[in-house]
C-alpha atoms as a PDB file:
ATOM      1  CA  MET A   1      69.049 107.454 157.199  1.00  0.00           C
ATOM      2  CA  LYS A   2      69.369 105.970 160.719  1.00  0.00           C
ATOM      3  CA  ALA A   3      65.685 106.640 161.175  1.00  0.00           C
ATOM      4  CA  PHE A   4      64.445 104.541 158.271  1.00  0.00           C
ATOM      5  CA  PHE A   5      64.422 101.160 159.906  1.00  0.00           C
ATOM      6  CA  PRO A   6      62.800 102.194 163.256  1.00  0.00           C
ATOM      7  CA  ILE A   7      60.134 104.187 161.382  1.00  0.00           C
ATOM      8  CA  PHE A   8      59.505 101.320 158.974  1.00  0.00           C
ATOM      9  CA  VAL A   9      59.049  98.674 161.677  1.00  0.00           C
ATOM     10  CA  THR A  10      56.926 100.864 163.915  1.00  0.00           C
ATOM     11  CA  VAL A  11      54.686 101.996 161.106  1.00  0.00           C
ATOM     12  CA  TRP A  12      54.260  98.404 159.933  1.00  0.00           C
ATOM     13  CA  VAL A  13      53.184  97.249 163.397  1.00  0.00           C
ATOM     14  CA  LEU A  14      50.993 100.284 164.226  1.00  0.00           C
ATOM     15  CA  SER A  15      49.171 100.223 160.892  1.00  0.00           C
ATOM     16  CA  LEU A  16      48.016  96.641 161.665  1.00  0.00           C
ATOM     17  CA  PHE A  17      45.988  97.835 164.642  1.00  0.00           C
ATOM     18  CA  LEU A  18      45.479 101.615 164.443  1.00  0.00           C
ATOM     19  CA  PRO A  19      43.999 104.083 161.915  1.00  0.00           C
ATOM     20  CA  TRP A  20      45.912 105.456 158.952  1.00  0.00           C
ATOM     21  CA  TRP A  21      47.075 108.542 160.756  1.00  0.00           C
ATOM     22  CA  SER A  22      49.091 106.449 163.252  1.00  0.00           C
ATOM     23  CA  VAL A  23      51.888 106.662 160.689  1.00  0.00           C
ATOM     24  CA  LEU A  24      52.537 110.178 161.925  1.00  0.00           C
ATOM     25  CA  PHE A  25      53.667 109.286 165.442  1.00  0.00           C
ATOM     26  CA  PRO A  26      56.727 107.063 164.770  1.00  0.00           C
ATOM     27  CA  ALA A  27      57.810 109.373 161.991  1.00  0.00           C
ATOM     28  CA  LEU A  28      57.531 112.412 164.235  1.00  0.00           C
ATOM     29  CA  LEU A  29      59.330 110.720 167.100  1.00  0.00           C
ATOM     30  CA  PHE A  30      62.208 109.124 165.221  1.00  0.00           C
ATOM     31  CA  GLY A  31      62.479 112.180 162.900  1.00  0.00           C
ATOM     32  CA  ALA A  32      63.182 114.292 165.991  1.00  0.00           C
ATOM     33  CA  TRP A  33      65.419 111.758 167.609  1.00  0.00           C
ATOM     34  CA  LEU A  34      67.543 110.121 164.895  1.00  0.00           C
ATOM     35  CA  THR A  35      67.794 112.505 162.015  1.00  0.00           C
ATOM     36  CA  ARG A  36      70.613 115.068 161.469  1.00  0.00           C
ATOM     37  CA  GLY A  37      69.211 117.088 158.587  1.00  0.00           C
ATOM     38  CA  SER A  38      65.959 118.123 157.007  1.00  0.00           C
ATOM     39  CA  ILE A  39      66.477 116.206 153.790  1.00  0.00           C
ATOM     40  CA  SER A  40      67.408 113.033 155.656  1.00  0.00           C
ATOM     41  CA  ALA A  41      64.371 113.453 157.949  1.00  0.00           C
ATOM     42  CA  PHE A  42      61.928 113.843 155.084  1.00  0.00           C
ATOM     43  CA  LEU A  43      63.357 111.024 153.002  1.00  0.00           C
ATOM     44  CA  SER A  44      63.542 108.615 155.998  1.00  0.00           C
ATOM     45  CA  GLY A  45      59.868 109.193 156.890  1.00  0.00           C
ATOM     46  CA  PHE A  46      58.736 109.326 153.253  1.00  0.00           C
ATOM     47  CA  PHE A  47      60.298 105.941 152.186  1.00  0.00           C
ATOM     48  CA  ALA A  48      59.866 104.156 155.505  1.00  0.00           C
ATOM     49  CA  ALA A  49      56.209 104.835 155.856  1.00  0.00           C
ATOM     50  CA  GLY A  50      55.463 104.502 152.135  1.00  0.00           C
ATOM     51  CA  LEU A  51      57.257 101.171 151.868  1.00  0.00           C
ATOM     52  CA  ALA A  52      55.557  99.762 154.951  1.00  0.00           C
ATOM     53  CA  TRP A  53      52.145 100.472 153.480  1.00  0.00           C
ATOM     54  CA  PHE A  54      53.151  99.412 150.013  1.00  0.00           C
ATOM     55  CA  LEU A  55      54.379  96.089 151.187  1.00  0.00           C
ATOM     56  CA  GLN A  56      51.264  95.459 153.171  1.00  0.00           C
ATOM     57  CA  ALA A  57      49.144  96.425 150.199  1.00  0.00           C
ATOM     58  CA  LEU A  58      51.153  94.246 147.891  1.00  0.00           C
ATOM     59  CA  TYR A  59      50.695  91.284 150.252  1.00  0.00           C
ATOM     60  CA  ILE A  60      47.001  91.840 150.223  1.00  0.00           C
ATOM     61  CA  HIS A  61      47.080  92.210 146.395  1.00  0.00           C
ATOM     62  CA  LEU A  62      48.982  88.913 146.006  1.00  0.00           C
ATOM     63  CA  ALA A  63      47.030  86.969 148.632  1.00  0.00           C
ATOM     64  CA  SER A  64      43.701  87.833 147.009  1.00  0.00           C
ATOM     65  CA  GLY A  65      44.947  87.194 143.503  1.00  0.00           C
ATOM     66  CA  GLY A  66      44.602  90.842 142.649  1.00  0.00           C
ATOM     67  CA  ILE A  67      40.780  90.702 142.994  1.00  0.00           C
ATOM     68  CA  LEU A  68      40.578  93.473 145.658  1.00  0.00           C
ATOM     69  CA  THR A  69      42.938  95.951 144.034  1.00  0.00           C
ATOM     70  CA  GLY A  70      41.416  95.221 140.579  1.00  0.00           C
ATOM     71  CA  ARG A  71      37.954  96.012 141.861  1.00  0.00           C
ATOM     72  CA  ILE A  72      39.097  99.153 143.651  1.00  0.00           C
ATOM     73  CA  ALA A  73      40.958 100.278 140.512  1.00  0.00           C
ATOM     74  CA  GLU A  74      37.755  99.634 138.473  1.00  0.00           C
ATOM     75  CA  MET A  75      35.568 101.455 140.995  1.00  0.00           C
ATOM     76  CA  THR A  76      37.862 104.579 141.024  1.00  0.00           C
ATOM     77  CA  GLY A  77      38.321 104.576 137.303  1.00  0.00           C
ATOM     78  CA  LEU A  78      42.033 103.988 137.316  1.00  0.00           C
ATOM     79  CA  GLY A  79      41.842 100.678 135.592  1.00  0.00           C
ATOM     80  CA  ALA A  80      45.188  99.262 136.865  1.00  0.00           C
ATOM     81  CA  ALA A  81      45.934  97.585 140.167  1.00  0.00           C
ATOM     82  CA  TRP A  82      49.514  98.960 140.109  1.00  0.00           C
ATOM     83  CA  ALA A  83      48.010 102.486 140.301  1.00  0.00           C
ATOM     84  CA  ILE A  84      46.214 101.569 143.514  1.00  0.00           C
ATOM     85  CA  LEU A  85      49.501 100.243 145.001  1.00  0.00           C
ATOM     86  CA  LEU A  86      51.268 103.450 143.940  1.00  0.00           C
ATOM     87  CA  ILE A  87      48.506 105.645 145.486  1.00  0.00           C
ATOM     88  CA  THR A  88      48.706 103.579 148.702  1.00  0.00           C
ATOM     89  CA  PHE A  89      52.455 104.202 148.827  1.00  0.00           C
ATOM     90  CA  MET A  90      51.883 107.984 148.391  1.00  0.00           C
ATOM     91  CA  ILE A  91      49.052 108.170 150.992  1.00  0.00           C
ATOM     92  CA  ALA A  92      51.498 106.859 153.673  1.00  0.00           C
ATOM     93  CA  ALA A  93      54.705 108.403 152.282  1.00  0.00           C
ATOM     94  CA  LEU A  94      53.725 112.082 152.165  1.00  0.00           C
ATOM     95  CA  PRO A  95      52.346 112.265 155.777  1.00  0.00           C
ATOM     96  CA  GLY A  96      55.320 110.139 156.950  1.00  0.00           C
ATOM     97  CA  GLY A  97      57.852 112.417 155.317  1.00  0.00           C
ATOM     98  CA  PHE A  98      56.246 115.632 156.607  1.00  0.00           C
ATOM     99  CA  ALA A  99      55.867 114.162 160.082  1.00  0.00           C
ATOM    100  CA  ALA A 100      59.536 113.265 160.247  1.00  0.00           C
ATOM    101  CA  LEU A 101      60.507 116.727 158.876  1.00  0.00           C
ATOM    102  CA  THR A 102      58.267 118.310 161.526  1.00  0.00           C
ATOM    103  CA  GLY A 103      59.929 116.210 164.221  1.00  0.00           C
ATOM    104  CA  PHE A 104      63.359 117.366 163.021  1.00  0.00           C
ATOM    105  CA  TYR A 105      62.337 121.023 162.915  1.00  0.00           C
ATOM    106  CA  PHE A 106      60.795 120.717 166.359  1.00  0.00           C
ATOM    107  CA  LYS A 107      64.058 119.458 167.711  1.00  0.00           C
ATOM    108  CA  VAL A 108      66.014 122.310 165.953  1.00  0.00           C
ATOM    109  CA  SER A 109      63.612 124.915 167.418  1.00  0.00           C
ATOM    110  CA  LEU A 110      64.067 123.514 170.923  1.00  0.00           C
ATOM    111  CA  GLN A 111      67.789 123.599 170.554  1.00  0.00           C
ATOM    112  CA  LYS A 112      67.782 127.145 169.347  1.00  0.00           C
ATOM    113  CA  SER A 113      65.455 128.312 172.140  1.00  0.00           C
ATOM    114  CA  ASP A 114      67.807 126.906 174.750  1.00  0.00           C
ATOM    115  CA  GLY A 115      70.596 129.168 173.697  1.00  0.00           C
ATOM    116  CA  LEU A 116      68.439 132.350 173.442  1.00  0.00           C
ATOM    117  CA  SER A 117      67.307 132.767 177.025  1.00  0.00           C
ATOM    118  CA  GLY A 118      70.048 135.242 178.017  1.00  0.00           C
ATOM    119  CA  ASP A 119      69.570 134.567 181.785  1.00  0.00           C
ATOM    120  CA  ASP A 120      73.203 133.602 182.488  1.00  0.00           C
END
């Protein structure tokens, strides 16, 4: 879980200025660099990206008095603002988890290909 904090901070900052898919880049990079296993990579990216977006959405929810999330919940037919916050978490968490997992597997594939050349 060494990758959790760097992914969290980087996703937090990038999501203030860049589109939603910017969550993929820090998760991919730190997933390849700092994780030691596939489960650790996925969980680090999943919870770091999801928590960063959830906290930003929660701040917006509290700052607006729940008006924005309430209207979005009503517009989508969910009826509850907490459901919007949960969906916001999942929208960032799933791509973040899979990006970190992809970074880990990319690192593993590069390590395996280094030992298979046979040109000694």
